[in-house]
Amino acid sequence: MGMLRGLEERPERTIGKLYAKLSWNAHERVEHTDSGRAVEEDAELFEWPVPILKHSLEEFLRDFHLATEIGVIAVLNQVARQGTGNDFKETCQRLLENENFRLADMRRATKLVRSWAS
């Protein structure tokens, strides 16, 4: 699987679905514009302060998190190709102990790093 080892059994499906969703959102579809989302979520378009569209924000954050994790996995796999021996294993162990890495809550990336740390 190369750069996407650790993502999924079929990473092209995960990436394809994410790409399709992000592409769909990039086009002028009423339900994917700020105005259309506000109407769907029963928010007033001209409120002040501007309403937070909870559903839209949560969906965006899920997609953003997945896109970020795909990038992290690709970088980890590149680093793994260059790392060898105990130094690399210790680096993986330190990464697993790193608070920021844990807070990022990237379960696929964590599982991948664990496989190298043991």
C-alpha atoms as a PDB file:
ATOM      1  CA  MET A   1       0.000   0.000   0.000  1.00  0.00           C
ATOM      2  CA  GLY A   2       2.987   2.302   0.226  1.00  0.00           C
ATOM      3  CA  MET A   3       2.218   5.810   1.409  1.00  0.00           C
ATOM      4  CA  LEU A   4      -1.300   4.978   2.569  1.00  0.00           C
ATOM      5  CA  ARG A   5      -0.438   1.896   4.643  1.00  0.00           C
ATOM      6  CA  GLY A   6      -2.527   2.112   7.789  1.00  0.00           C
ATOM      7  CA  LEU A   7      -5.400   4.080   6.312  1.00  0.00           C
ATOM      8  CA  GLU A   8      -7.809   1.320   5.310  1.00  0.00           C
ATOM      9  CA  GLU A   9      -7.767  -1.953   3.464  1.00  0.00           C
ATOM     10  CA  ARG A  10      -8.848  -0.031   0.353  1.00  0.00           C
ATOM     11  CA  PRO A  11      -7.556   3.538   0.835  1.00  0.00           C
ATOM     12  CA  GLU A  12      -8.683   4.615  -2.618  1.00  0.00           C
ATOM     13  CA  ARG A  13     -12.294   4.223  -1.481  1.00  0.00           C
ATOM     14  CA  THR A  14     -11.793   6.400   1.607  1.00  0.00           C
ATOM     15  CA  ILE A  15     -10.031   9.081  -0.414  1.00  0.00           C
ATOM     16  CA  GLY A  16     -12.528   8.824  -3.271  1.00  0.00           C
ATOM     17  CA  LYS A  17     -15.511   9.285  -0.958  1.00  0.00           C
ATOM     18  CA  LEU A  18     -13.880  12.249   0.785  1.00  0.00           C
ATOM     19  CA  TYR A  19     -12.905  13.826  -2.529  1.00  0.00           C
ATOM     20  CA  ALA A  20     -16.427  13.386  -3.909  1.00  0.00           C
ATOM     21  CA  LYS A  21     -17.940  14.977  -0.815  1.00  0.00           C
ATOM     22  CA  LEU A  22     -15.516  17.915  -0.843  1.00  0.00           C
ATOM     23  CA  SER A  23     -16.011  18.406  -4.603  1.00  0.00           C
ATOM     24  CA  TRP A  24     -19.763  18.383  -4.160  1.00  0.00           C
ATOM     25  CA  ASN A  25     -19.439  21.065  -1.485  1.00  0.00           C
ATOM     26  CA  ALA A  26     -17.229  23.200  -3.729  1.00  0.00           C
ATOM     27  CA  HIS A  27     -19.953  23.629  -6.336  1.00  0.00           C
ATOM     28  CA  GLU A  28     -22.913  25.937  -6.222  1.00  0.00           C
ATOM     29  CA  ARG A  29     -25.520  23.564  -4.857  1.00  0.00           C
ATOM     30  CA  VAL A  30     -28.162  25.309  -2.775  1.00  0.00           C
ATOM     31  CA  GLU A  31     -27.764  22.891   0.130  1.00  0.00           C
ATOM     32  CA  HIS A  32     -24.002  23.479   0.100  1.00  0.00           C
ATOM     33  CA  THR A  33     -23.986  27.283   0.219  1.00  0.00           C
ATOM     34  CA  ASP A  34     -24.051  29.261   3.445  1.00  0.00           C
ATOM     35  CA  SER A  35     -27.562  30.488   2.643  1.00  0.00           C
ATOM     36  CA  GLY A  36     -28.832  27.031   1.765  1.00  0.00           C
ATOM     37  CA  ARG A  37     -27.358  25.521   4.912  1.00  0.00           C
ATOM     38  CA  ALA A  38     -28.891  28.227   7.054  1.00  0.00           C
ATOM     39  CA  VAL A  39     -32.318  27.539   5.576  1.00  0.00           C
ATOM     40  CA  GLU A  40     -31.898  23.770   6.110  1.00  0.00           C
ATOM     41  CA  GLU A  41     -30.903  24.323   9.738  1.00  0.00           C
ATOM     42  CA  ASP A  42     -33.712  26.815  10.427  1.00  0.00           C
ATOM     43  CA  ALA A  43     -31.308  29.663  11.104  1.00  0.00           C
ATOM     44  CA  GLU A  44     -32.089  33.279  10.350  1.00  0.00           C
ATOM     45  CA  LEU A  45     -29.864  34.452   7.505  1.00  0.00           C
ATOM     46  CA  PHE A  46     -29.330  37.973   8.809  1.00  0.00           C
ATOM     47  CA  GLU A  47     -29.037  37.430  12.562  1.00  0.00           C
ATOM     48  CA  TRP A  48     -26.359  39.205  14.506  1.00  0.00           C
ATOM     49  CA  PRO A  49     -24.197  37.694  15.677  1.00  0.00           C
ATOM     50  CA  VAL A  50     -24.144  35.314  12.749  1.00  0.00           C
ATOM     51  CA  PRO A  51     -25.606  31.945  13.774  1.00  0.00           C
ATOM     52  CA  ILE A  52     -23.369  28.915  14.047  1.00  0.00           C
ATOM     53  CA  LEU A  53     -24.660  26.181  11.799  1.00  0.00           C
ATOM     54  CA  LYS A  54     -23.994  23.267  14.120  1.00  0.00           C
ATOM     55  CA  HIS A  55     -24.679  20.443  11.656  1.00  0.00           C
ATOM     56  CA  SER A  56     -22.600  22.044   8.885  1.00  0.00           C
ATOM     57  CA  LEU A  57     -19.730  22.801  11.242  1.00  0.00           C
ATOM     58  CA  GLU A  58     -19.682  19.251  12.623  1.00  0.00           C
ATOM     59  CA  GLU A  59     -19.711  17.784   9.108  1.00  0.00           C
ATOM     60  CA  PHE A  60     -16.887  20.096   8.023  1.00  0.00           C
ATOM     61  CA  LEU A  61     -14.802  19.190  11.080  1.00  0.00           C
ATOM     62  CA  ARG A  62     -15.250  15.431  10.447  1.00  0.00           C
ATOM     63  CA  ASP A  63     -14.112  15.852   6.836  1.00  0.00           C
ATOM     64  CA  PHE A  64     -11.232  18.123   7.854  1.00  0.00           C
ATOM     65  CA  HIS A  65     -10.098  15.617  10.496  1.00  0.00           C
ATOM     66  CA  LEU A  66     -10.143  12.769   7.962  1.00  0.00           C
ATOM     67  CA  ALA A  67      -8.229  14.804   5.367  1.00  0.00           C
ATOM     68  CA  THR A  68      -5.676  15.744   8.025  1.00  0.00           C
ATOM     69  CA  GLU A  69      -5.271  12.129   9.134  1.00  0.00           C
ATOM     70  CA  ILE A  70      -4.748  10.979   5.530  1.00  0.00           C
ATOM     71  CA  GLY A  71      -1.942  13.542   5.243  1.00  0.00           C
ATOM     72  CA  VAL A  72      -0.411  12.477   8.550  1.00  0.00           C
ATOM     73  CA  ILE A  73      -0.471   8.813   7.504  1.00  0.00           C
ATOM     74  CA  ALA A  74       1.229   9.646   4.200  1.00  0.00           C
ATOM     75  CA  VAL A  75       3.966  11.583   6.025  1.00  0.00           C
ATOM     76  CA  LEU A  76       4.407   8.841   8.630  1.00  0.00           C
ATOM     77  CA  ASN A  77       4.867   6.269   5.892  1.00  0.00           C
ATOM     78  CA  GLN A  78       7.472   8.443   4.188  1.00  0.00           C
ATOM     79  CA  VAL A  79       9.358   8.848   7.471  1.00  0.00           C
ATOM     80  CA  ALA A  80       9.112   5.094   8.102  1.00  0.00           C
ATOM     81  CA  ARG A  81      10.822   4.395   4.780  1.00  0.00           C
ATOM     82  CA  GLN A  82      13.827   6.376   5.978  1.00  0.00           C
ATOM     83  CA  GLY A  83      13.817   5.244   9.626  1.00  0.00           C
ATOM     84  CA  THR A  84      15.349   2.017  10.765  1.00  0.00           C
ATOM     85  CA  GLY A  85      16.358   0.172  13.884  1.00  0.00           C
ATOM     86  CA  ASN A  86      15.980   1.155  17.516  1.00  0.00           C
ATOM     87  CA  ASP A  87      16.169   4.906  16.887  1.00  0.00           C
ATOM     88  CA  PHE A  88      13.044   4.778  14.740  1.00  0.00           C
ATOM     89  CA  LYS A  89      11.273   2.498  17.208  1.00  0.00           C
ATOM     90  CA  GLU A  90      12.084   4.885  20.077  1.00  0.00           C
ATOM     91  CA  THR A  91      10.881   7.855  18.033  1.00  0.00           C
ATOM     92  CA  CYS A  92       7.564   6.065  17.484  1.00  0.00           C
ATOM     93  CA  GLN A  93       7.280   5.339  21.200  1.00  0.00           C
ATOM     94  CA  ARG A  94       7.898   9.025  22.009  1.00  0.00           C
ATOM     95  CA  LEU A  95       5.303  10.067  19.461  1.00  0.00           C
ATOM     96  CA  LEU A  96       2.723   7.830  21.128  1.00  0.00           C
ATOM     97  CA  GLU A  97       3.507   9.549  24.440  1.00  0.00           C
ATOM     98  CA  ASN A  98       3.259  13.037  22.946  1.00  0.00           C
ATOM     99  CA  GLU A  99       0.222  14.860  24.324  1.00  0.00           C
ATOM    100  CA  ASN A 100      -0.481  16.776  21.105  1.00  0.00           C
ATOM    101  CA  PHE A 101      -0.418  13.573  19.063  1.00  0.00           C
ATOM    102  CA  ARG A 102      -2.836  11.931  21.504  1.00  0.00           C
ATOM    103  CA  LEU A 103      -5.149  14.955  21.488  1.00  0.00           C
ATOM    104  CA  ALA A 104      -5.283  14.850  17.686  1.00  0.00           C
ATOM    105  CA  ASP A 105      -7.302  11.633  18.109  1.00  0.00           C
ATOM    106  CA  MET A 106      -6.102   9.991  14.915  1.00  0.00           C
ATOM    107  CA  ARG A 107      -6.911   6.349  15.568  1.00  0.00           C
ATOM    108  CA  ARG A 108      -5.605   5.020  12.242  1.00  0.00           C
ATOM    109  CA  ALA A 109      -2.335   6.928  12.514  1.00  0.00           C
ATOM    110  CA  THR A 110      -1.947   5.854  16.151  1.00  0.00           C
ATOM    111  CA  LYS A 111      -2.466   2.211  15.226  1.00  0.00           C
ATOM    112  CA  LEU A 112       0.180   2.546  12.498  1.00  0.00           C
ATOM    113  CA  VAL A 113       2.718   4.135  14.851  1.00  0.00           C
ATOM    114  CA  ARG A 114       2.006   1.462  17.465  1.00  0.00           C
ATOM    115  CA  SER A 115       2.845  -1.221  14.903  1.00  0.00           C
ATOM    116  CA  TRP A 116       6.272   0.378  14.428  1.00  0.00           C
ATOM    117  CA  ALA A 117       6.856   1.053  18.124  1.00  0.00           C
ATOM    118  CA  SER A 118       6.464  -2.562  19.209  1.00  0.00           C
END
